[in-house]
Amino acid sequence: MGLGNILLLTQATCYTITLILSVCTVVPMAVHVSKFDGHCLLYTTGSFDSDDGHFIARWASPFYCFFTLAVGGLMVAVSFVQLVRMSIFLYMGIDSSFLSAFLDSVVSVIVMLLVFTTSVLVSDGFRAWCRAITQRFPACEDASVTQISKPDHVDTVGFYMHVGTAQFGAWSSWVCWVLQAVLCTRKLCLYHERENLMISMARERRLLNASHESQSQTVDDTVPILD
């Protein structure tokens, strides 16, 4: 198996892992938004009612959760399409063109930046929620086993597992997209090196042909003409 096939196989494997991790980001976050009745716990703060002990939330914008869902959906789509492409290339024994590899690099970098932004928002927003929750509970995960916010008609049971899984999926996906960007850049470098090699070989061939023609002309000029 040549270097190009190994690189292509590595890309296909990476897209497979990314597809699985993107699902691990989208599904738990979608479940969280559904159980929280459209609310988003990211960057949500609040305090506990001293009378009944329920958590009075000051809900943050749902943008953070929906942005995570949008980026996760984009990851699913891109990973699936790229996985199908790479599988076809492997089956047919071919590889993408230079232009296609360049577009793959651009897409990988864009998705990598979006996933990094999503990961930071999920981690930082979840940390803000946990700071508010730990006013009464010793640990954030302890609050996820009971209903703490009945006045808002949201189901807070299991929130730690849902958002924690989405956080894991986002950061793990980001690592895979960084690797994917490196692989795409490496493929571009290989194409560039191959193009330079072909240009160099063509130049050497022209020089050899010119030298051969010059030597032939010199021999013809030195051969004596017999009467």
C-alpha atoms as a PDB file:
ATOM      1  CA  MET A   1       0.000   0.000   0.000  1.00  0.00           C
ATOM      2  CA  GLY A   2       1.470   3.340  -1.057  1.00  0.00           C
ATOM      3  CA  LEU A   3       1.801   6.433   1.054  1.00  0.00           C
ATOM      4  CA  GLY A   4      -1.207   8.009  -0.653  1.00  0.00           C
ATOM      5  CA  ASN A   5      -3.420   5.015   0.169  1.00  0.00           C
ATOM      6  CA  ILE A   6      -2.266   5.012   3.801  1.00  0.00           C
ATOM      7  CA  LEU A   7      -3.071   8.720   4.050  1.00  0.00           C
ATOM      8  CA  LEU A   8      -6.475   8.169   2.458  1.00  0.00           C
ATOM      9  CA  LEU A   9      -7.222   5.258   4.797  1.00  0.00           C
ATOM     10  CA  THR A  10      -6.225   7.386   7.789  1.00  0.00           C
ATOM     11  CA  GLN A  11      -8.570  10.151   6.641  1.00  0.00           C
ATOM     12  CA  ALA A  12     -11.442   7.695   6.221  1.00  0.00           C
ATOM     13  CA  THR A  13     -10.831   6.299   9.714  1.00  0.00           C
ATOM     14  CA  CYS A  14     -10.700   9.798  11.176  1.00  0.00           C
ATOM     15  CA  TYR A  15     -13.990  10.748   9.492  1.00  0.00           C
ATOM     16  CA  THR A  16     -15.587   7.598  10.903  1.00  0.00           C
ATOM     17  CA  ILE A  17     -14.535   8.539  14.435  1.00  0.00           C
ATOM     18  CA  THR A  18     -15.629  12.140  13.889  1.00  0.00           C
ATOM     19  CA  LEU A  19     -19.056  10.999  12.712  1.00  0.00           C
ATOM     20  CA  ILE A  20     -19.541   8.946  15.880  1.00  0.00           C
ATOM     21  CA  LEU A  21     -18.340  11.775  18.129  1.00  0.00           C
ATOM     22  CA  SER A  22     -20.544  14.340  16.385  1.00  0.00           C
ATOM     23  CA  VAL A  23     -23.569  12.142  17.102  1.00  0.00           C
ATOM     24  CA  CYS A  24     -22.400  12.024  20.736  1.00  0.00           C
ATOM     25  CA  THR A  25     -22.548  15.821  20.699  1.00  0.00           C
ATOM     26  CA  VAL A  26     -25.876  16.352  18.947  1.00  0.00           C
ATOM     27  CA  VAL A  27     -28.067  13.701  20.574  1.00  0.00           C
ATOM     28  CA  PRO A  28     -27.368  14.525  24.268  1.00  0.00           C
ATOM     29  CA  MET A  29     -27.693  18.260  23.622  1.00  0.00           C
ATOM     30  CA  ALA A  30     -31.000  17.733  21.808  1.00  0.00           C
ATOM     31  CA  VAL A  31     -32.269  15.621  24.718  1.00  0.00           C
ATOM     32  CA  HIS A  32     -31.181  18.339  27.151  1.00  0.00           C
ATOM     33  CA  VAL A  33     -33.015  21.098  25.269  1.00  0.00           C
ATOM     34  CA  SER A  34     -36.126  18.926  25.065  1.00  0.00           C
ATOM     35  CA  LYS A  35     -36.117  18.103  28.784  1.00  0.00           C
ATOM     36  CA  PHE A  36     -35.469  21.752  29.673  1.00  0.00           C
ATOM     37  CA  ASP A  37     -38.502  22.855  27.632  1.00  0.00           C
ATOM     38  CA  GLY A  38     -36.413  24.844  25.149  1.00  0.00           C
ATOM     39  CA  HIS A  39     -34.229  26.445  27.817  1.00  0.00           C
ATOM     40  CA  CYS A  40     -30.449  26.112  27.835  1.00  0.00           C
ATOM     41  CA  LEU A  41     -28.438  25.664  31.027  1.00  0.00           C
ATOM     42  CA  LEU A  42     -25.241  27.026  29.442  1.00  0.00           C
ATOM     43  CA  TYR A  43     -24.364  30.313  31.190  1.00  0.00           C
ATOM     44  CA  THR A  44     -27.595  30.109  33.205  1.00  0.00           C
ATOM     45  CA  THR A  45     -27.304  31.346  36.779  1.00  0.00           C
ATOM     46  CA  GLY A  46     -29.729  31.622  39.666  1.00  0.00           C
ATOM     47  CA  SER A  47     -30.295  30.969  43.335  1.00  0.00           C
ATOM     48  CA  PHE A  48     -32.212  28.578  45.547  1.00  0.00           C
ATOM     49  CA  ASP A  49     -35.506  29.629  47.110  1.00  0.00           C
ATOM     50  CA  SER A  50     -35.164  29.676  50.872  1.00  0.00           C
ATOM     51  CA  ASP A  51     -38.821  28.625  51.308  1.00  0.00           C
ATOM     52  CA  ASP A  52     -39.212  25.489  49.208  1.00  0.00           C
ATOM     53  CA  GLY A  53     -35.584  24.916  48.165  1.00  0.00           C
ATOM     54  CA  HIS A  54     -36.255  25.021  44.429  1.00  0.00           C
ATOM     55  CA  PHE A  55     -33.763  26.596  42.072  1.00  0.00           C
ATOM     56  CA  ILE A  56     -34.870  29.943  40.649  1.00  0.00           C
ATOM     57  CA  ALA A  57     -33.062  30.139  37.326  1.00  0.00           C
ATOM     58  CA  ARG A  58     -32.095  33.267  35.435  1.00  0.00           C
ATOM     59  CA  TRP A  59     -32.073  31.641  32.045  1.00  0.00           C
ATOM     60  CA  ALA A  60     -29.404  32.568  29.565  1.00  0.00           C
ATOM     61  CA  SER A  61     -30.013  32.774  25.839  1.00  0.00           C
ATOM     62  CA  PRO A  62     -30.858  29.440  24.159  1.00  0.00           C
ATOM     63  CA  PHE A  63     -28.429  30.472  21.412  1.00  0.00           C
ATOM     64  CA  TYR A  64     -25.582  28.552  23.048  1.00  0.00           C
ATOM     65  CA  CYS A  65     -27.388  25.215  22.903  1.00  0.00           C
ATOM     66  CA  PHE A  66     -28.790  25.783  19.421  1.00  0.00           C
ATOM     67  CA  PHE A  67     -25.373  26.861  18.154  1.00  0.00           C
ATOM     68  CA  THR A  68     -23.960  23.615  19.534  1.00  0.00           C
ATOM     69  CA  LEU A  69     -26.717  21.674  17.785  1.00  0.00           C
ATOM     70  CA  ALA A  70     -26.075  23.508  14.510  1.00  0.00           C
ATOM     71  CA  VAL A  71     -22.328  22.865  14.596  1.00  0.00           C
ATOM     72  CA  GLY A  72     -22.946  19.265  15.604  1.00  0.00           C
ATOM     73  CA  GLY A  73     -25.327  18.818  12.687  1.00  0.00           C
ATOM     74  CA  LEU A  74     -22.728  20.329  10.367  1.00  0.00           C
ATOM     75  CA  MET A  75     -20.153  17.859  11.693  1.00  0.00           C
ATOM     76  CA  VAL A  76     -22.503  14.944  11.052  1.00  0.00           C
ATOM     77  CA  ALA A  77     -23.184  16.060   7.479  1.00  0.00           C
ATOM     78  CA  VAL A  78     -19.566  16.826   6.560  1.00  0.00           C
ATOM     79  CA  SER A  79     -18.209  13.682   8.214  1.00  0.00           C
ATOM     80  CA  PHE A  80     -20.763  11.457   6.481  1.00  0.00           C
ATOM     81  CA  VAL A  81     -20.201  12.973   3.028  1.00  0.00           C
ATOM     82  CA  GLN A  82     -16.425  12.834   3.395  1.00  0.00           C
ATOM     83  CA  LEU A  83     -16.526   9.267   4.685  1.00  0.00           C
ATOM     84  CA  VAL A  84     -18.545   8.186   1.644  1.00  0.00           C
ATOM     85  CA  ARG A  85     -16.096   9.994  -0.674  1.00  0.00           C
ATOM     86  CA  MET A  86     -13.031   8.456   0.937  1.00  0.00           C
ATOM     87  CA  SER A  87     -14.615   5.001   0.881  1.00  0.00           C
ATOM     88  CA  ILE A  88     -15.306   5.336  -2.852  1.00  0.00           C
ATOM     89  CA  PHE A  89     -11.727   6.498  -3.472  1.00  0.00           C
ATOM     90  CA  LEU A  90     -10.375   3.518  -1.530  1.00  0.00           C
ATOM     91  CA  TYR A  91     -12.639   1.086  -3.378  1.00  0.00           C
ATOM     92  CA  MET A  92     -11.686   2.466  -6.805  1.00  0.00           C
ATOM     93  CA  GLY A  93      -8.009   2.858  -5.935  1.00  0.00           C
ATOM     94  CA  ILE A  94      -7.926   6.571  -6.765  1.00  0.00           C
ATOM     95  CA  ASP A  95      -7.471   9.775  -4.799  1.00  0.00           C
ATOM     96  CA  SER A  96      -8.823  13.306  -4.850  1.00  0.00           C
ATOM     97  CA  SER A  97      -7.450  15.995  -7.132  1.00  0.00           C
ATOM     98  CA  PHE A  98      -5.343  18.922  -5.966  1.00  0.00           C
ATOM     99  CA  LEU A  99      -8.368  21.257  -6.056  1.00  0.00           C
ATOM    100  CA  SER A 100     -10.484  18.779  -4.121  1.00  0.00           C
ATOM    101  CA  ALA A 101      -7.728  18.342  -1.524  1.00  0.00           C
ATOM    102  CA  PHE A 102      -7.465  22.126  -1.190  1.00  0.00           C
ATOM    103  CA  LEU A 103     -11.224  22.440  -0.626  1.00  0.00           C
ATOM    104  CA  ASP A 104     -11.049  19.617   1.925  1.00  0.00           C
ATOM    105  CA  SER A 105      -8.358  21.563   3.787  1.00  0.00           C
ATOM    106  CA  VAL A 106     -10.440  24.744   3.822  1.00  0.00           C
ATOM    107  CA  VAL A 107     -13.540  22.895   5.040  1.00  0.00           C
ATOM    108  CA  SER A 108     -11.542  21.085   7.734  1.00  0.00           C
ATOM    109  CA  VAL A 109     -10.074  24.330   9.075  1.00  0.00           C
ATOM    110  CA  ILE A 110     -13.476  26.065   9.114  1.00  0.00           C
ATOM    111  CA  VAL A 111     -15.177  23.161  10.906  1.00  0.00           C
ATOM    112  CA  MET A 112     -12.226  22.880  13.304  1.00  0.00           C
ATOM    113  CA  LEU A 113     -12.642  26.542  14.330  1.00  0.00           C
ATOM    114  CA  LEU A 114     -16.413  26.170  14.726  1.00  0.00           C
ATOM    115  CA  VAL A 115     -16.017  23.045  16.851  1.00  0.00           C
ATOM    116  CA  PHE A 116     -13.409  24.760  19.020  1.00  0.00           C
ATOM    117  CA  THR A 117     -15.798  27.669  19.600  1.00  0.00           C
ATOM    118  CA  THR A 118     -18.577  25.225  20.467  1.00  0.00           C
ATOM    119  CA  SER A 119     -16.360  23.300  22.881  1.00  0.00           C
ATOM    120  CA  VAL A 120     -15.358  26.472  24.720  1.00  0.00           C
ATOM    121  CA  LEU A 121     -18.979  27.637  24.966  1.00  0.00           C
ATOM    122  CA  VAL A 122     -20.182  24.280  26.291  1.00  0.00           C
ATOM    123  CA  SER A 123     -17.381  23.974  28.850  1.00  0.00           C
ATOM    124  CA  ASP A 124     -17.522  27.560  30.090  1.00  0.00           C
ATOM    125  CA  GLY A 125     -21.328  27.706  30.063  1.00  0.00           C
ATOM    126  CA  PHE A 126     -21.607  24.411  31.930  1.00  0.00           C
ATOM    127  CA  ARG A 127     -19.107  25.691  34.493  1.00  0.00           C
ATOM    128  CA  ALA A 128     -21.265  28.796  35.091  1.00  0.00           C
ATOM    129  CA  TRP A 129     -24.341  26.607  35.679  1.00  0.00           C
ATOM    130  CA  CYS A 130     -22.463  24.343  38.067  1.00  0.00           C
ATOM    131  CA  ARG A 131     -21.236  27.328  40.084  1.00  0.00           C
ATOM    132  CA  ALA A 132     -24.859  28.312  40.666  1.00  0.00           C
ATOM    133  CA  ILE A 133     -25.956  24.758  41.463  1.00  0.00           C
ATOM    134  CA  THR A 134     -23.178  24.133  43.987  1.00  0.00           C
ATOM    135  CA  GLN A 135     -24.564  26.876  46.220  1.00  0.00           C
ATOM    136  CA  ARG A 136     -26.582  24.066  47.792  1.00  0.00           C
ATOM    137  CA  PHE A 137     -25.150  20.798  46.442  1.00  0.00           C
ATOM    138  CA  PRO A 138     -21.602  19.637  47.197  1.00  0.00           C
ATOM    139  CA  ALA A 139     -21.016  18.704  43.555  1.00  0.00           C
ATOM    140  CA  CYS A 140     -22.710  19.526  40.281  1.00  0.00           C
ATOM    141  CA  GLU A 141     -23.441  15.906  39.433  1.00  0.00           C
ATOM    142  CA  ASP A 142     -25.270  15.467  42.741  1.00  0.00           C
ATOM    143  CA  ALA A 143     -27.951  17.910  41.585  1.00  0.00           C
ATOM    144  CA  SER A 144     -28.710  15.896  38.457  1.00  0.00           C
ATOM    145  CA  VAL A 145     -30.388  13.067  40.359  1.00  0.00           C
ATOM    146  CA  THR A 146     -33.294  15.161  41.635  1.00  0.00           C
ATOM    147  CA  GLN A 147     -35.779  17.745  40.389  1.00  0.00           C
ATOM    148  CA  ILE A 148     -34.498  21.173  41.388  1.00  0.00           C
ATOM    149  CA  SER A 149     -36.490  23.613  39.226  1.00  0.00           C
ATOM    150  CA  LYS A 150     -40.201  22.757  39.234  1.00  0.00           C
ATOM    151  CA  PRO A 151     -41.467  26.352  38.799  1.00  0.00           C
ATOM    152  CA  ASP A 152     -40.028  26.499  35.258  1.00  0.00           C
ATOM    153  CA  HIS A 153     -41.549  23.129  34.263  1.00  0.00           C
ATOM    154  CA  VAL A 154     -38.164  21.721  33.251  1.00  0.00           C
ATOM    155  CA  ASP A 155     -36.848  18.244  33.951  1.00  0.00           C
ATOM    156  CA  THR A 156     -33.370  18.671  35.420  1.00  0.00           C
ATOM    157  CA  VAL A 157     -32.813  14.974  36.132  1.00  0.00           C
ATOM    158  CA  GLY A 158     -29.824  13.691  34.166  1.00  0.00           C
ATOM    159  CA  PHE A 159     -28.578  17.080  32.982  1.00  0.00           C
ATOM    160  CA  TYR A 160     -25.007  16.322  34.082  1.00  0.00           C
ATOM    161  CA  MET A 161     -24.783  13.217  31.902  1.00  0.00           C
ATOM    162  CA  HIS A 162     -26.396  14.910  28.893  1.00  0.00           C
ATOM    163  CA  VAL A 163     -24.294  18.064  28.847  1.00  0.00           C
ATOM    164  CA  GLY A 164     -21.183  16.213  30.015  1.00  0.00           C
ATOM    165  CA  THR A 165     -21.490  13.789  27.102  1.00  0.00           C
ATOM    166  CA  ALA A 166     -21.984  16.676  24.682  1.00  0.00           C
ATOM    167  CA  GLN A 167     -18.901  18.356  26.141  1.00  0.00           C
ATOM    168  CA  PHE A 168     -16.836  15.197  25.692  1.00  0.00           C
ATOM    169  CA  GLY A 169     -18.089  14.764  22.137  1.00  0.00           C
ATOM    170  CA  ALA A 170     -17.299  18.370  21.233  1.00  0.00           C
ATOM    171  CA  TRP A 171     -13.717  18.365  22.533  1.00  0.00           C
ATOM    172  CA  SER A 172     -12.971  14.914  21.122  1.00  0.00           C
ATOM    173  CA  SER A 173     -14.384  15.984  17.759  1.00  0.00           C
ATOM    174  CA  TRP A 174     -12.160  19.051  17.821  1.00  0.00           C
ATOM    175  CA  VAL A 175      -9.080  16.863  18.266  1.00  0.00           C
ATOM    176  CA  CYS A 176     -10.169  14.760  15.285  1.00  0.00           C
ATOM    177  CA  TRP A 177     -10.751  17.830  13.132  1.00  0.00           C
ATOM    178  CA  VAL A 178      -7.298  19.150  14.012  1.00  0.00           C
ATOM    179  CA  LEU A 179      -5.878  15.816  12.862  1.00  0.00           C
ATOM    180  CA  GLN A 180      -8.022  15.974   9.739  1.00  0.00           C
ATOM    181  CA  ALA A 181      -6.719  19.454   8.920  1.00  0.00           C
ATOM    182  CA  VAL A 182      -3.143  18.200   9.349  1.00  0.00           C
ATOM    183  CA  LEU A 183      -3.827  15.225   7.053  1.00  0.00           C
ATOM    184  CA  CYS A 184      -5.379  17.449   4.382  1.00  0.00           C
ATOM    185  CA  THR A 185      -2.425  19.833   4.584  1.00  0.00           C
ATOM    186  CA  ARG A 186      -0.029  16.904   4.299  1.00  0.00           C
ATOM    187  CA  LYS A 187      -1.845  15.709   1.185  1.00  0.00           C
ATOM    188  CA  LEU A 188      -1.524  19.186  -0.335  1.00  0.00           C
ATOM    189  CA  CYS A 189       2.209  19.126   0.402  1.00  0.00           C
ATOM    190  CA  LEU A 190       2.510  15.724  -1.300  1.00  0.00           C
ATOM    191  CA  TYR A 191       0.707  17.026  -4.365  1.00  0.00           C
ATOM    192  CA  HIS A 192       2.975  20.079  -4.414  1.00  0.00           C
ATOM    193  CA  GLU A 193       6.109  17.947  -4.089  1.00  0.00           C
ATOM    194  CA  ARG A 194       4.877  15.649  -6.859  1.00  0.00           C
ATOM    195  CA  GLU A 195       4.180  18.619  -9.131  1.00  0.00           C
ATOM    196  CA  ASN A 196       7.628  20.073  -8.460  1.00  0.00           C
ATOM    197  CA  LEU A 197       9.191  16.678  -9.201  1.00  0.00           C
ATOM    198  CA  MET A 198       7.347  16.411 -12.509  1.00  0.00           C
ATOM    199  CA  ILE A 199       8.389  19.930 -13.484  1.00  0.00           C
ATOM    200  CA  SER A 200      12.001  19.186 -12.533  1.00  0.00           C
ATOM    201  CA  MET A 201      12.001  15.934 -14.526  1.00  0.00           C
ATOM    202  CA  ALA A 202      10.526  17.693 -17.554  1.00  0.00           C
ATOM    203  CA  ARG A 203      13.195  20.396 -17.305  1.00  0.00           C
ATOM    204  CA  GLU A 204      15.959  17.794 -17.070  1.00  0.00           C
ATOM    205  CA  ARG A 205      14.505  15.955 -20.062  1.00  0.00           C
ATOM    206  CA  ARG A 206      14.528  19.127 -22.132  1.00  0.00           C
ATOM    207  CA  LEU A 207      18.114  19.842 -21.115  1.00  0.00           C
ATOM    208  CA  LEU A 208      19.172  16.299 -22.030  1.00  0.00           C
ATOM    209  CA  ASN A 209      17.430  16.519 -25.382  1.00  0.00           C
ATOM    210  CA  ALA A 210      19.039  19.871 -26.077  1.00  0.00           C
ATOM    211  CA  SER A 211      22.464  18.507 -25.094  1.00  0.00           C
ATOM    212  CA  HIS A 212      21.977  15.440 -27.290  1.00  0.00           C
ATOM    213  CA  GLU A 213      20.957  17.567 -30.253  1.00  0.00           C
ATOM    214  CA  SER A 214      23.973  19.837 -29.693  1.00  0.00           C
ATOM    215  CA  GLN A 215      26.338  16.864 -29.602  1.00  0.00           C
ATOM    216  CA  SER A 216      24.790  15.417 -32.761  1.00  0.00           C
ATOM    217  CA  GLN A 217      25.202  18.742 -34.527  1.00  0.00           C
ATOM    218  CA  THR A 218      28.853  18.913 -33.442  1.00  0.00           C
ATOM    219  CA  VAL A 219      29.542  15.406 -34.759  1.00  0.00           C
ATOM    220  CA  ASP A 220      27.927  16.247 -38.079  1.00  0.00           C
ATOM    221  CA  ASP A 221      30.064  19.360 -38.387  1.00  0.00           C
ATOM    222  CA  THR A 222      33.327  17.466 -37.729  1.00  0.00           C
ATOM    223  CA  VAL A 223      32.726  14.534 -40.095  1.00  0.00           C
ATOM    224  CA  PRO A 224      34.945  15.051 -43.223  1.00  0.00           C
ATOM    225  CA  ILE A 225      33.236  15.172 -46.588  1.00  0.00           C
ATOM    226  CA  LEU A 226      34.813  12.660 -48.998  1.00  0.00           C
ATOM    227  CA  ASP A 227      34.823  13.458 -52.711  1.00  0.00           C
END
